[in-house]
């Protein structure tokens, strides 16, 4: 009788352990599918955000959010090792889909970051060119404001004045292409890197260009 009781006790214990194991697997599967669904929803949402974002919108917080999901995808990938049979196959296949979605997010983010780096390099180069042009405009304006006073001048002095005016006309014609290029490049840069400061500078350059053109023309009419 004691042996029978002991055997029944052992069987009851084994059954309890099995039930506990099954309950643990059931809880794990439930948790897995919940996390898996939430992860796929996140990848869809973040993909839409990245596709709508310009490079200036790639904040540190957004990049950190993507990086933080690495631990979550790692857990999804390891979950299959804790279940068996068909459950394991389904979990591993689902984890693979989640990994593929995450890799797509990482690739999209890297593409945008590369574009951001290129835009920042382009911005630095453009600012250098813009400052050079602004300095030329300031220098040229000072020269164009010098009056062509011909009262009491000799024929030689008149000829020299005409030559100075011709030199100004040639210079402003030569620089017109550069001014146009800088303004166009600035407009393109604004599309990828919106900046109030840059927009203001472009407006100032355009107005300065119109001014020196007007001053040069008026000066020539005095001769």
N, C-alpha and C. Protein backbone atom coordinates (compact mmCIF):
# COMPACT_ATOMS: atom_id res chain seq x y z
N UNK A 1 0.84 -1.20 0.00
CA UNK A 1 0.00 0.00 0.00
C UNK A 1 0.87 1.26 0.00
N UNK A 2 1.93 1.19 0.77
CA UNK A 2 2.81 2.37 0.83
C UNK A 2 3.45 2.61 -0.53
N UNK A 3 3.88 1.52 -1.19
CA UNK A 3 4.48 1.67 -2.52
C UNK A 3 3.49 2.25 -3.51
N UNK A 4 2.24 1.82 -3.42
CA UNK A 4 1.21 2.35 -4.31
C UNK A 4 1.00 3.83 -4.04
N UNK A 5 0.94 4.16 -2.77
CA UNK A 5 0.77 5.59 -2.41
C UNK A 5 1.94 6.43 -2.91
N UNK A 6 3.17 5.87 -2.76
CA UNK A 6 4.36 6.59 -3.20
C UNK A 6 4.34 6.79 -4.70
N UNK A 7 3.91 5.73 -5.43
CA UNK A 7 3.85 5.84 -6.88
C UNK A 7 2.82 6.88 -7.31
N UNK A 8 1.69 6.89 -6.63
CA UNK A 8 0.68 7.89 -6.95
C UNK A 8 1.16 9.30 -6.64
N UNK A 9 1.90 9.42 -5.55
CA UNK A 9 2.45 10.72 -5.17
C UNK A 9 3.44 11.21 -6.22
N UNK A 10 4.28 10.25 -6.69
CA UNK A 10 5.26 10.61 -7.73
C UNK A 10 4.56 11.04 -9.01
N UNK A 11 3.50 10.27 -9.37
CA UNK A 11 2.77 10.61 -10.58
C UNK A 11 2.09 11.98 -10.44
N UNK A 12 1.54 12.24 -9.27
CA UNK A 12 0.89 13.54 -9.03
C UNK A 12 1.91 14.68 -9.14
N UNK A 13 3.11 14.43 -8.59
CA UNK A 13 4.15 15.45 -8.65
C UNK A 13 4.60 15.72 -10.09
N UNK A 14 4.78 14.60 -10.82
CA UNK A 14 5.18 14.75 -12.22
C UNK A 14 4.10 15.47 -13.02
N UNK A 15 2.83 15.13 -12.72
CA UNK A 15 1.73 15.79 -13.43
C UNK A 15 1.70 17.28 -13.10
N UNK A 16 1.94 17.59 -11.83
CA UNK A 16 1.96 19.00 -11.42
C UNK A 16 3.07 19.77 -12.13
N UNK A 17 4.24 19.12 -12.22
CA UNK A 17 5.36 19.76 -12.92
C UNK A 17 5.05 19.97 -14.40
N UNK A 18 4.41 18.95 -14.99
CA UNK A 18 4.06 19.05 -16.41
C UNK A 18 3.05 20.16 -16.65
N UNK A 19 2.05 20.21 -15.74
CA UNK A 19 1.06 21.28 -15.87
C UNK A 19 1.72 22.64 -15.72
N UNK A 20 2.63 22.76 -14.76
CA UNK A 20 3.35 24.01 -14.54
C UNK A 20 4.17 24.38 -15.77
N UNK A 21 4.80 23.36 -16.37
CA UNK A 21 5.61 23.59 -17.57
C UNK A 21 4.74 24.08 -18.73
N UNK A 22 3.58 23.38 -18.90
CA UNK A 22 2.67 23.75 -19.98
C UNK A 22 2.11 25.16 -19.77
N UNK A 23 1.78 25.45 -18.49
CA UNK A 23 1.27 26.78 -18.19
C UNK A 23 2.33 27.85 -18.47
N UNK A 24 3.59 27.49 -18.15
CA UNK A 24 4.69 28.42 -18.42
C UNK A 24 4.87 28.66 -19.91
N UNK A 25 4.75 27.59 -20.69
CA UNK A 25 4.88 27.74 -22.14
C UNK A 25 3.71 28.53 -22.71
N UNK A 26 2.52 28.25 -22.16
CA UNK A 26 1.34 28.98 -22.62
C UNK A 26 1.48 30.48 -22.35
N UNK A 27 1.97 30.80 -21.15
CA UNK A 27 2.17 32.21 -20.79
C UNK A 27 3.24 32.83 -21.68
N UNK A 28 4.30 32.05 -21.97
CA UNK A 28 5.37 32.55 -22.83
C UNK A 28 4.85 32.82 -24.23
N UNK A 29 4.05 31.88 -24.76
CA UNK A 29 3.49 32.06 -26.10
C UNK A 29 2.58 33.27 -26.16
N UNK A 30 1.78 33.43 -25.12
CA UNK A 30 0.87 34.58 -25.09
C UNK A 30 1.67 35.88 -25.07
N UNK A 31 2.71 35.90 -24.24
CA UNK A 31 3.56 37.08 -24.17
C UNK A 31 4.25 37.33 -25.50
N UNK A 32 4.75 36.24 -26.12
CA UNK A 32 5.45 36.37 -27.39
C UNK A 32 4.55 37.00 -28.45
N UNK A 33 3.35 36.46 -28.63
CA UNK A 33 2.47 36.96 -29.68
C UNK A 33 2.02 38.39 -29.39
N UNK A 34 1.88 38.73 -28.12
CA UNK A 34 1.54 40.12 -27.78
C UNK A 34 2.68 41.05 -28.16
N UNK A 35 3.90 40.69 -27.75
CA UNK A 35 5.07 41.51 -28.06
C UNK A 35 5.34 41.56 -29.56
N UNK A 36 5.14 40.43 -30.22
CA UNK A 36 5.36 40.35 -31.67
C UNK A 36 4.41 41.30 -32.40
N UNK A 37 3.15 41.28 -32.01
CA UNK A 37 2.17 42.17 -32.65
C UNK A 37 2.50 43.63 -32.43
N UNK A 38 2.89 43.96 -31.20
CA UNK A 38 3.24 45.35 -30.89
C UNK A 38 4.49 45.77 -31.66
N UNK A 39 5.45 44.85 -31.80
CA UNK A 39 6.69 45.18 -32.50
C UNK A 39 6.41 45.47 -33.98
N UNK A 40 5.59 44.64 -34.61
CA UNK A 40 5.27 44.86 -36.02
C UNK A 40 4.50 46.16 -36.21
N UNK A 41 3.64 46.50 -35.27
CA UNK A 41 2.93 47.78 -35.33
C UNK A 41 3.92 48.94 -35.23
N UNK A 42 4.91 48.77 -34.34
CA UNK A 42 5.93 49.82 -34.19
C UNK A 42 6.73 49.98 -35.47
N UNK A 43 7.15 48.87 -36.09
CA UNK A 43 7.95 48.98 -37.32
C UNK A 43 7.16 49.68 -38.43
N UNK A 44 5.86 49.41 -38.49
CA UNK A 44 5.03 50.07 -39.50
C UNK A 44 4.93 51.57 -39.23
N UNK A 45 4.71 51.91 -37.96
CA UNK A 45 4.58 53.32 -37.58
C UNK A 45 5.88 54.08 -37.79
N UNK A 46 7.00 53.50 -37.34
CA UNK A 46 8.29 54.20 -37.45
C UNK A 46 8.71 54.33 -38.91
N UNK A 47 8.36 53.35 -39.73
CA UNK A 47 8.67 53.43 -41.15
C UNK A 47 7.94 54.61 -41.79
N UNK A 48 6.68 54.78 -41.45
CA UNK A 48 5.91 55.90 -41.97
C UNK A 48 6.49 57.23 -41.50
N UNK A 49 6.91 57.28 -40.23
CA UNK A 49 7.51 58.51 -39.70
C UNK A 49 8.81 58.84 -40.43
N UNK A 50 9.63 57.84 -40.66
CA UNK A 50 10.91 58.06 -41.33
C UNK A 50 10.70 58.47 -42.78
N UNK A 51 9.72 57.86 -43.45
CA UNK A 51 9.47 58.18 -44.85
C UNK A 51 8.93 59.59 -45.01
N UNK A 52 8.22 60.07 -44.00
CA UNK A 52 7.68 61.44 -44.06
C UNK A 52 8.69 62.47 -43.57
N UNK A 53 9.73 62.03 -42.91
CA UNK A 53 10.67 62.94 -42.27
C UNK A 53 11.71 63.44 -43.26
N UNK A 54 12.05 64.74 -43.17
CA UNK A 54 13.21 65.22 -43.90
C UNK A 54 14.43 65.01 -42.99
N UNK A 55 15.61 65.21 -43.52
CA UNK A 55 16.80 64.88 -42.75
C UNK A 55 16.96 65.74 -41.50
N UNK A 56 16.42 66.92 -41.54
CA UNK A 56 16.53 67.77 -40.35
C UNK A 56 15.67 67.25 -39.21
N UNK A 57 14.72 66.33 -39.52
CA UNK A 57 13.85 65.80 -38.48
C UNK A 57 14.40 64.59 -37.77
N UNK A 58 15.62 64.18 -38.12
CA UNK A 58 16.21 62.99 -37.49
C UNK A 58 16.83 63.37 -36.15
N UNK A 59 15.98 63.46 -35.14
CA UNK A 59 16.44 63.86 -33.82
C UNK A 59 17.16 62.70 -33.13
N UNK A 60 17.91 63.06 -32.12
CA UNK A 60 18.60 62.04 -31.32
C UNK A 60 17.60 61.08 -30.70
N UNK A 61 16.44 61.62 -30.27
CA UNK A 61 15.41 60.78 -29.67
C UNK A 61 14.88 59.74 -30.62
N UNK A 62 14.71 60.10 -31.88
CA UNK A 62 14.20 59.15 -32.88
C UNK A 62 15.21 58.05 -33.13
N UNK A 63 16.48 58.42 -33.22
CA UNK A 63 17.52 57.40 -33.44
C UNK A 63 17.64 56.48 -32.22
N UNK A 64 17.51 57.06 -31.03
CA UNK A 64 17.58 56.26 -29.80
C UNK A 64 16.40 55.30 -29.71
N UNK A 65 15.25 55.74 -30.17
CA UNK A 65 14.06 54.87 -30.15
C UNK A 65 14.28 53.63 -31.01
N UNK A 66 14.85 53.82 -32.19
CA UNK A 66 15.13 52.69 -33.08
C UNK A 66 16.16 51.76 -32.45
N UNK A 67 17.22 52.34 -31.88
CA UNK A 67 18.28 51.53 -31.28
C UNK A 67 17.77 50.73 -30.08
N UNK A 68 16.83 51.30 -29.34
CA UNK A 68 16.33 50.63 -28.14
C UNK A 68 15.56 49.35 -28.46
N UNK A 69 15.10 49.21 -29.69
CA UNK A 69 14.32 48.04 -30.08
C UNK A 69 15.21 46.82 -30.33
N UNK A 70 16.52 47.00 -30.30
CA UNK A 70 17.42 45.87 -30.55
C UNK A 70 17.27 44.79 -29.48
N UNK A 71 17.11 45.18 -28.22
CA UNK A 71 16.92 44.20 -27.14
C UNK A 71 15.59 43.47 -27.32
N UNK A 72 14.58 44.19 -27.75
CA UNK A 72 13.26 43.58 -27.92
C UNK A 72 13.28 42.54 -29.04
N UNK A 73 13.94 42.86 -30.15
CA UNK A 73 14.00 41.90 -31.25
C UNK A 73 14.85 40.70 -30.83
N UNK A 74 15.84 40.93 -30.00
CA UNK A 74 16.66 39.82 -29.48
C UNK A 74 15.84 38.84 -28.67
N UNK A 75 14.93 39.37 -27.83
CA UNK A 75 14.07 38.49 -27.02
C UNK A 75 13.13 37.68 -27.91
N UNK A 76 12.58 38.34 -28.94
CA UNK A 76 11.68 37.63 -29.85
C UNK A 76 12.42 36.50 -30.57
N UNK A 77 13.68 36.75 -30.91
CA UNK A 77 14.47 35.73 -31.61
C UNK A 77 14.81 34.54 -30.68
N UNK A 78 14.98 34.80 -29.40
CA UNK A 78 15.34 33.73 -28.45
C UNK A 78 14.14 32.96 -27.94
N UNK A 79 12.94 33.51 -28.10
CA UNK A 79 11.74 32.89 -27.51
C UNK A 79 11.50 31.48 -28.05
N UNK A 80 11.85 31.21 -29.30
CA UNK A 80 11.61 29.90 -29.89
C UNK A 80 12.33 28.78 -29.18
N UNK A 81 13.44 29.08 -28.54
CA UNK A 81 14.23 28.04 -27.87
C UNK A 81 13.54 27.53 -26.60
N UNK A 82 12.45 28.20 -26.16
CA UNK A 82 11.77 27.81 -24.93
C UNK A 82 10.48 27.05 -25.19
N UNK A 83 10.17 26.81 -26.46
CA UNK A 83 8.97 26.03 -26.80
C UNK A 83 9.36 24.92 -27.77
N UNK A 84 8.43 24.05 -28.04
CA UNK A 84 8.75 22.88 -28.86
C UNK A 84 7.73 22.68 -29.97
N UNK A 85 8.09 21.77 -30.90
CA UNK A 85 7.17 21.33 -31.92
C UNK A 85 6.68 22.44 -32.82
N UNK A 86 5.41 22.40 -33.15
CA UNK A 86 4.80 23.37 -34.06
C UNK A 86 4.88 24.79 -33.49
N UNK A 87 4.73 24.89 -32.17
CA UNK A 87 4.82 26.21 -31.54
C UNK A 87 6.18 26.84 -31.83
N UNK A 88 7.23 26.03 -31.73
CA UNK A 88 8.57 26.55 -31.96
C UNK A 88 8.72 27.03 -33.40
N UNK A 89 8.22 26.25 -34.34
CA UNK A 89 8.32 26.63 -35.74
C UNK A 89 7.59 27.95 -36.00
N UNK A 90 6.39 28.08 -35.46
CA UNK A 90 5.61 29.29 -35.68
C UNK A 90 6.28 30.51 -35.03
N UNK A 91 6.81 30.30 -33.84
CA UNK A 91 7.49 31.40 -33.14
C UNK A 91 8.74 31.83 -33.90
N UNK A 92 9.54 30.89 -34.36
CA UNK A 92 10.77 31.22 -35.08
C UNK A 92 10.46 31.92 -36.40
N UNK A 93 9.42 31.47 -37.09
CA UNK A 93 9.04 32.12 -38.35
C UNK A 93 8.56 33.55 -38.10
N UNK A 94 7.77 33.72 -37.05
CA UNK A 94 7.28 35.06 -36.71
C UNK A 94 8.43 35.97 -36.29
N UNK A 95 9.37 35.42 -35.51
CA UNK A 95 10.54 36.21 -35.09
C UNK A 95 11.37 36.63 -36.29
N UNK A 96 11.47 35.75 -37.29
CA UNK A 96 12.23 36.07 -38.51
C UNK A 96 11.56 37.21 -39.26
N UNK A 97 10.22 37.22 -39.30
CA UNK A 97 9.51 38.32 -39.97
C UNK A 97 9.76 39.63 -39.24
N UNK A 98 9.75 39.57 -37.92
CA UNK A 98 9.99 40.77 -37.13
C UNK A 98 11.41 41.28 -37.36
N UNK A 99 12.36 40.36 -37.44
CA UNK A 99 13.76 40.75 -37.69
C UNK A 99 13.90 41.41 -39.05
N UNK A 100 13.23 40.85 -40.05
CA UNK A 100 13.27 41.44 -41.39
C UNK A 100 12.71 42.85 -41.38
N UNK A 101 11.61 43.04 -40.67
CA UNK A 101 11.00 44.38 -40.57
C UNK A 101 11.94 45.35 -39.88
N UNK A 102 12.61 44.87 -38.82
CA UNK A 102 13.54 45.74 -38.08
C UNK A 102 14.73 46.11 -38.94
N UNK A 103 15.25 45.15 -39.71
CA UNK A 103 16.37 45.44 -40.59
C UNK A 103 15.99 46.48 -41.64
N UNK A 104 14.75 46.41 -42.13
CA UNK A 104 14.29 47.40 -43.10
C UNK A 104 14.26 48.79 -42.48
N UNK A 105 13.85 48.87 -41.21
CA UNK A 105 13.84 50.16 -40.50
C UNK A 105 15.27 50.69 -40.36
N UNK A 106 16.20 49.81 -39.97
CA UNK A 106 17.60 50.23 -39.81
C UNK A 106 18.18 50.73 -41.13
N UNK A 107 17.87 50.04 -42.22
CA UNK A 107 18.39 50.45 -43.54
C UNK A 107 17.81 51.80 -43.95
N UNK A 108 16.52 52.01 -43.71
CA UNK A 108 15.90 53.29 -44.03
C UNK A 108 16.51 54.41 -43.20
N UNK A 109 16.73 54.15 -41.92
CA UNK A 109 17.33 55.15 -41.04
C UNK A 109 18.74 55.48 -41.50
N UNK A 110 19.52 54.48 -41.86
CA UNK A 110 20.89 54.72 -42.31
C UNK A 110 20.92 55.53 -43.60
N UNK A 111 19.98 55.26 -44.49
CA UNK A 111 19.89 56.02 -45.73
C UNK A 111 19.62 57.49 -45.44
N UNK A 112 18.71 57.74 -44.51
CA UNK A 112 18.39 59.12 -44.15
C UNK A 112 19.55 59.80 -43.43
N UNK A 113 20.26 59.05 -42.59
CA UNK A 113 21.41 59.62 -41.88
C UNK A 113 22.52 59.97 -42.86
N UNK A 114 22.72 59.11 -43.86
CA UNK A 114 23.74 59.38 -44.89
C UNK A 114 23.36 60.64 -45.66
N UNK A 115 22.07 60.77 -45.96
CA UNK A 115 21.60 61.97 -46.66
C UNK A 115 21.79 63.21 -45.79
N UNK A 116 21.58 63.03 -44.47
CA UNK A 116 21.79 64.14 -43.54
C UNK A 116 23.25 64.57 -43.53
N UNK A 117 24.16 63.58 -43.48
CA UNK A 117 25.58 63.91 -43.47
C UNK A 117 25.98 64.63 -44.76
N UNK A 118 25.45 64.17 -45.88
CA UNK A 118 25.75 64.82 -47.16
C UNK A 118 25.20 66.24 -47.19
N UNK A 119 24.01 66.41 -46.64
CA UNK A 119 23.39 67.74 -46.61
C UNK A 119 24.19 68.69 -45.73
N UNK A 120 24.68 68.18 -44.62
CA UNK A 120 25.47 69.02 -43.72
C UNK A 120 26.78 69.42 -44.36
N UNK A 121 27.40 68.51 -45.11
CA UNK A 121 28.64 68.83 -45.83
C UNK A 121 28.36 69.86 -46.91
N UNK A 122 27.23 69.66 -47.61
CA UNK A 122 26.85 70.61 -48.65
C UNK A 122 26.56 71.98 -48.05
N UNK A 123 25.96 71.99 -46.87
CA UNK A 123 25.65 73.25 -46.21
C UNK A 123 26.93 74.01 -45.85
N UNK A 124 27.93 73.30 -45.35
CA UNK A 124 29.19 73.94 -44.99
C UNK A 124 29.86 74.54 -46.22
N UNK A 125 29.88 73.77 -47.31
CA UNK A 125 30.49 74.26 -48.55
C UNK A 125 29.72 75.46 -49.09
N UNK A 126 28.39 75.38 -49.00
CA UNK A 126 27.57 76.48 -49.50
C UNK A 126 27.79 77.75 -48.67
N UNK A 127 27.86 77.61 -47.35
CA UNK A 127 28.06 78.78 -46.49
C UNK A 127 29.37 79.47 -46.80
N UNK A 128 30.39 78.69 -47.13
CA UNK A 128 31.68 79.28 -47.51
C UNK A 128 31.52 80.11 -48.77
N UNK A 129 30.86 79.53 -49.77
CA UNK A 129 30.64 80.25 -51.03
C UNK A 129 29.74 81.47 -50.82
N UNK A 130 28.75 81.33 -49.96
CA UNK A 130 27.85 82.44 -49.69
C UNK A 130 28.58 83.61 -49.04
N UNK A 131 29.45 83.31 -48.09
CA UNK A 131 30.21 84.37 -47.41
C UNK A 131 31.15 85.08 -48.37
N UNK A 132 31.76 84.33 -49.28
CA UNK A 132 32.64 84.94 -50.28
C UNK A 132 31.85 85.90 -51.16
N UNK A 133 30.66 85.45 -51.58
CA UNK A 133 29.82 86.28 -52.43
C UNK A 133 29.35 87.54 -51.70
N UNK A 134 28.98 87.39 -50.43
CA UNK A 134 28.53 88.55 -49.66
C UNK A 134 29.65 89.58 -49.50
N UNK A 135 30.87 89.10 -49.32
CA UNK A 135 32.01 90.01 -49.21
C UNK A 135 32.24 90.74 -50.53
N UNK A 136 32.13 90.01 -51.65
CA UNK A 136 32.30 90.66 -52.96
C UNK A 136 31.22 91.71 -53.18
N UNK A 137 29.98 91.40 -52.82
CA UNK A 137 28.89 92.35 -53.00
C UNK A 137 29.15 93.63 -52.20
N UNK A 138 29.65 93.47 -50.96
CA UNK A 138 29.93 94.63 -50.12
C UNK A 138 31.04 95.48 -50.73
N UNK A 139 32.10 94.82 -51.21
CA UNK A 139 33.21 95.54 -51.83
C UNK A 139 32.78 96.23 -53.12
N UNK A 140 32.01 95.52 -53.93
CA UNK A 140 31.58 96.09 -55.20
C UNK A 140 30.63 97.26 -54.98
N UNK A 141 29.77 97.14 -53.98
CA UNK A 141 28.84 98.24 -53.69
C UNK A 141 29.61 99.52 -53.34
N UNK A 142 30.68 99.36 -52.57
CA UNK A 142 31.49 100.53 -52.20
C UNK A 142 32.08 101.19 -53.44
N UNK A 143 32.54 100.39 -54.38
CA UNK A 143 33.13 100.93 -55.62
C UNK A 143 32.05 101.53 -56.52
N UNK A 144 30.89 100.87 -56.57
CA UNK A 144 29.81 101.38 -57.43
C UNK A 144 29.23 102.68 -56.90
N UNK A 145 29.36 102.91 -55.59
CA UNK A 145 28.85 104.16 -55.00
C UNK A 145 29.80 105.33 -55.23
N UNK A 146 31.03 105.07 -55.65
CA UNK A 146 31.97 106.15 -55.94
C UNK A 146 31.44 106.95 -57.13
N UNK A 147 31.13 108.22 -56.96
CA UNK A 147 30.52 109.00 -58.05
C UNK A 147 31.48 109.19 -59.22
N UNK A 148 30.89 109.24 -60.42
CA UNK A 148 31.68 109.52 -61.64
C UNK A 148 31.60 111.01 -61.92
N UNK A 149 32.24 111.82 -61.09
CA UNK A 149 32.20 113.28 -61.20
C UNK A 149 33.15 113.74 -62.30
N UNK A 150 32.56 114.28 -63.38
CA UNK A 150 33.38 114.66 -64.54
C UNK A 150 33.51 116.17 -64.71
N UNK A 151 33.07 116.94 -63.74
CA UNK A 151 33.16 118.39 -63.87
C UNK A 151 34.62 118.84 -63.91
N UNK A 152 34.95 119.56 -64.97
CA UNK A 152 36.29 120.10 -65.07
C UNK A 152 37.35 119.08 -65.42
N UNK A 153 36.97 117.91 -65.89
CA UNK A 153 37.96 116.88 -66.19
C UNK A 153 38.44 117.00 -67.62
N UNK A 154 39.63 116.53 -67.82
CA UNK A 154 40.20 116.55 -69.16
C UNK A 154 39.72 115.33 -69.94
N UNK A 155 40.06 115.33 -71.23
CA UNK A 155 39.67 114.19 -72.06
C UNK A 155 40.31 112.90 -71.55
N UNK A 156 41.53 112.99 -71.03
CA UNK A 156 42.21 111.83 -70.49
C UNK A 156 41.48 111.30 -69.26
N UNK A 157 41.09 112.23 -68.39
CA UNK A 157 40.38 111.83 -67.18
C UNK A 157 39.02 111.23 -67.51
N UNK A 158 38.37 111.77 -68.54
CA UNK A 158 37.08 111.24 -68.96
C UNK A 158 37.24 109.81 -69.49
N UNK A 159 38.31 109.63 -70.27
CA UNK A 159 38.57 108.29 -70.82
C UNK A 159 38.83 107.28 -69.69
N UNK A 160 39.59 107.74 -68.70
CA UNK A 160 39.88 106.86 -67.57
C UNK A 160 38.61 106.52 -66.79
N UNK A 161 37.73 107.50 -66.65
CA UNK A 161 36.46 107.28 -65.95
C UNK A 161 35.60 106.27 -66.72
N UNK A 162 35.61 106.40 -68.06
CA UNK A 162 34.84 105.47 -68.88
C UNK A 162 35.40 104.04 -68.75
N UNK A 163 36.72 103.96 -68.67
CA UNK A 163 37.36 102.65 -68.53
C UNK A 163 37.02 102.02 -67.18
N UNK A 164 36.97 102.86 -66.13
CA UNK A 164 36.61 102.33 -64.80
C UNK A 164 35.16 101.83 -64.80
N UNK A 165 34.31 102.58 -65.49
CA UNK A 165 32.92 102.16 -65.57
C UNK A 165 32.79 100.87 -66.38
N UNK A 166 33.55 100.77 -67.45
CA UNK A 166 33.51 99.56 -68.27
C UNK A 166 33.98 98.34 -67.47
N UNK A 167 34.98 98.58 -66.64
CA UNK A 167 35.50 97.49 -65.80
C UNK A 167 34.42 97.03 -64.81
N UNK A 168 33.66 97.98 -64.23
CA UNK A 168 32.57 97.63 -63.33
C UNK A 168 31.49 96.84 -64.07
N UNK A 169 31.17 97.31 -65.28
CA UNK A 169 30.15 96.61 -66.07
C UNK A 169 30.57 95.18 -66.38
N UNK A 170 31.85 95.02 -66.77
CA UNK A 170 32.35 93.68 -67.08
C UNK A 170 32.30 92.78 -65.85
N UNK A 171 32.73 93.33 -64.73
CA UNK A 171 32.79 92.54 -63.50
C UNK A 171 31.40 92.08 -63.07
N UNK A 172 30.43 92.99 -63.15
CA UNK A 172 29.09 92.62 -62.70
C UNK A 172 28.47 91.61 -63.65
N UNK A 173 28.81 91.70 -64.94
CA UNK A 173 28.32 90.70 -65.89
C UNK A 173 28.95 89.34 -65.64
N UNK A 174 30.23 89.35 -65.31
CA UNK A 174 30.93 88.10 -65.02
C UNK A 174 30.40 87.42 -63.76
N UNK A 175 30.03 88.23 -62.79
CA UNK A 175 29.57 87.68 -61.51
C UNK A 175 28.10 87.28 -61.52
N UNK A 176 27.36 87.67 -62.55
CA UNK A 176 25.92 87.37 -62.57
C UNK A 176 25.67 85.87 -62.53
N UNK A 177 26.51 85.09 -63.21
CA UNK A 177 26.35 83.64 -63.21
C UNK A 177 26.56 83.06 -61.83
N UNK A 178 27.58 83.56 -61.13
CA UNK A 178 27.86 83.05 -59.78
C UNK A 178 26.73 83.38 -58.82
N UNK A 179 26.20 84.60 -58.93
CA UNK A 179 25.09 85.00 -58.06
C UNK A 179 23.88 84.09 -58.31
N UNK A 180 23.58 83.85 -59.57
CA UNK A 180 22.45 82.99 -59.91
C UNK A 180 22.65 81.58 -59.37
N UNK A 181 23.87 81.05 -59.50
CA UNK A 181 24.16 79.70 -59.01
C UNK A 181 24.02 79.61 -57.50
N UNK A 182 24.53 80.59 -56.79
CA UNK A 182 24.45 80.58 -55.32
C UNK A 182 22.99 80.64 -54.86
N UNK A 183 22.21 81.51 -55.49
CA UNK A 183 20.80 81.62 -55.10
C UNK A 183 20.04 80.33 -55.39
N UNK A 184 20.31 79.72 -56.55
CA UNK A 184 19.64 78.46 -56.88
C UNK A 184 20.05 77.34 -55.94
N UNK A 185 21.36 77.25 -55.66
CA UNK A 185 21.85 76.22 -54.73
C UNK A 185 21.25 76.41 -53.35
N UNK A 186 21.10 77.66 -52.95
CA UNK A 186 20.51 77.95 -51.65
C UNK A 186 19.07 77.50 -51.56
N UNK A 187 18.31 77.71 -52.63
CA UNK A 187 16.91 77.27 -52.66
C UNK A 187 16.83 75.75 -52.56
N UNK A 188 17.72 75.06 -53.26
CA UNK A 188 17.74 73.59 -53.20
C UNK A 188 18.09 73.13 -51.80
N UNK A 189 19.06 73.78 -51.17
CA UNK A 189 19.49 73.41 -49.82
C UNK A 189 18.36 73.61 -48.82
N UNK A 190 17.57 74.65 -49.03
CA UNK A 190 16.44 74.92 -48.13
C UNK A 190 15.41 73.80 -48.15
N UNK A 191 15.31 73.11 -49.27
CA UNK A 191 14.34 72.02 -49.38
C UNK A 191 14.71 70.85 -48.46
N UNK A 192 16.02 70.59 -48.33
CA UNK A 192 16.47 69.47 -47.50
C UNK A 192 16.78 69.91 -46.07
N UNK A 193 17.20 71.16 -45.90
CA UNK A 193 17.53 71.66 -44.57
C UNK A 193 16.86 73.02 -44.35
N UNK A 194 15.57 73.02 -44.06
CA UNK A 194 14.86 74.28 -43.84
C UNK A 194 15.54 75.12 -42.77
N UNK A 195 15.76 76.40 -43.08
CA UNK A 195 16.46 77.27 -42.14
C UNK A 195 16.00 78.71 -42.37
N UNK A 196 15.47 79.31 -41.33
CA UNK A 196 15.03 80.71 -41.42
C UNK A 196 16.24 81.60 -41.67
N UNK A 197 17.35 81.30 -40.99
CA UNK A 197 18.56 82.10 -41.14
C UNK A 197 19.06 82.08 -42.58
N UNK A 198 19.08 80.89 -43.18
CA UNK A 198 19.54 80.77 -44.56
C UNK A 198 18.60 81.49 -45.51
N UNK A 199 17.30 81.38 -45.27
CA UNK A 199 16.32 82.05 -46.12
C UNK A 199 16.53 83.57 -46.07
N UNK A 200 16.80 84.08 -44.89
CA UNK A 200 17.04 85.52 -44.72
C UNK A 200 18.31 85.93 -45.48
N UNK A 201 19.36 85.12 -45.36
CA UNK A 201 20.61 85.45 -46.04
C UNK A 201 20.44 85.46 -47.56
N UNK A 202 19.68 84.52 -48.08
CA UNK A 202 19.44 84.48 -49.52
C UNK A 202 18.69 85.73 -49.98
N UNK A 203 17.73 86.14 -49.17
CA UNK A 203 16.98 87.36 -49.50
C UNK A 203 17.90 88.57 -49.49
N UNK A 204 18.78 88.63 -48.51
CA UNK A 204 19.73 89.75 -48.41
C UNK A 204 20.67 89.77 -49.61
N UNK A 205 21.14 88.60 -50.04
CA UNK A 205 22.03 88.54 -51.20
C UNK A 205 21.30 89.00 -52.45
N UNK A 206 20.07 88.53 -52.61
CA UNK A 206 19.29 88.93 -53.79
C UNK A 206 19.07 90.44 -53.83
N UNK A 207 18.75 91.02 -52.68
CA UNK A 207 18.54 92.46 -52.60
C UNK A 207 19.84 93.23 -52.83
N UNK A 208 20.95 92.70 -52.29
CA UNK A 208 22.25 93.34 -52.49
C UNK A 208 22.65 93.31 -53.96
N UNK A 209 22.34 92.21 -54.62
CA UNK A 209 22.65 92.08 -56.05
C UNK A 209 21.85 93.09 -56.87
N UNK A 210 20.57 93.21 -56.58
CA UNK A 210 19.74 94.19 -57.29
C UNK A 210 20.26 95.61 -57.07
N UNK A 211 20.73 95.86 -55.84
CA UNK A 211 21.25 97.19 -55.51
C UNK A 211 22.51 97.50 -56.30
N UNK A 212 23.47 96.58 -56.35
CA UNK A 212 24.72 96.87 -57.07
C UNK A 212 24.46 96.99 -58.57
N UNK A 213 23.50 96.23 -59.08
CA UNK A 213 23.14 96.36 -60.51
C UNK A 213 22.59 97.76 -60.77
N UNK A 214 21.71 98.21 -59.87
CA UNK A 214 21.12 99.54 -60.02
C UNK A 214 22.17 100.64 -59.89
N UNK A 215 23.06 100.50 -58.89
CA UNK A 215 24.11 101.50 -58.70
C UNK A 215 25.04 101.58 -59.90
N UNK A 216 25.40 100.43 -60.45
CA UNK A 216 26.30 100.40 -61.60
C UNK A 216 25.65 101.05 -62.81
N UNK A 217 24.37 100.74 -63.01
CA UNK A 217 23.65 101.33 -64.15
C UNK A 217 23.53 102.85 -64.00
N UNK A 218 23.18 103.30 -62.80
CA UNK A 218 23.04 104.74 -62.55
C UNK A 218 24.37 105.46 -62.71
N UNK A 219 25.42 104.83 -62.26
CA UNK A 219 26.77 105.43 -62.38
C UNK A 219 27.15 105.59 -63.83
N UNK A 220 26.81 104.56 -64.64
CA UNK A 220 27.15 104.65 -66.07
C UNK A 220 26.38 105.73 -66.76
N UNK A 221 25.16 106.02 -66.31
CA UNK A 221 24.37 107.07 -66.94
C UNK A 221 24.92 108.46 -66.69
N UNK A 222 25.76 108.58 -65.68
CA UNK A 222 26.36 109.89 -65.37
C UNK A 222 27.45 110.27 -66.38
N UNK A 223 27.99 109.25 -67.09
CA UNK A 223 29.10 109.52 -68.00
C UNK A 223 28.61 109.97 -69.37
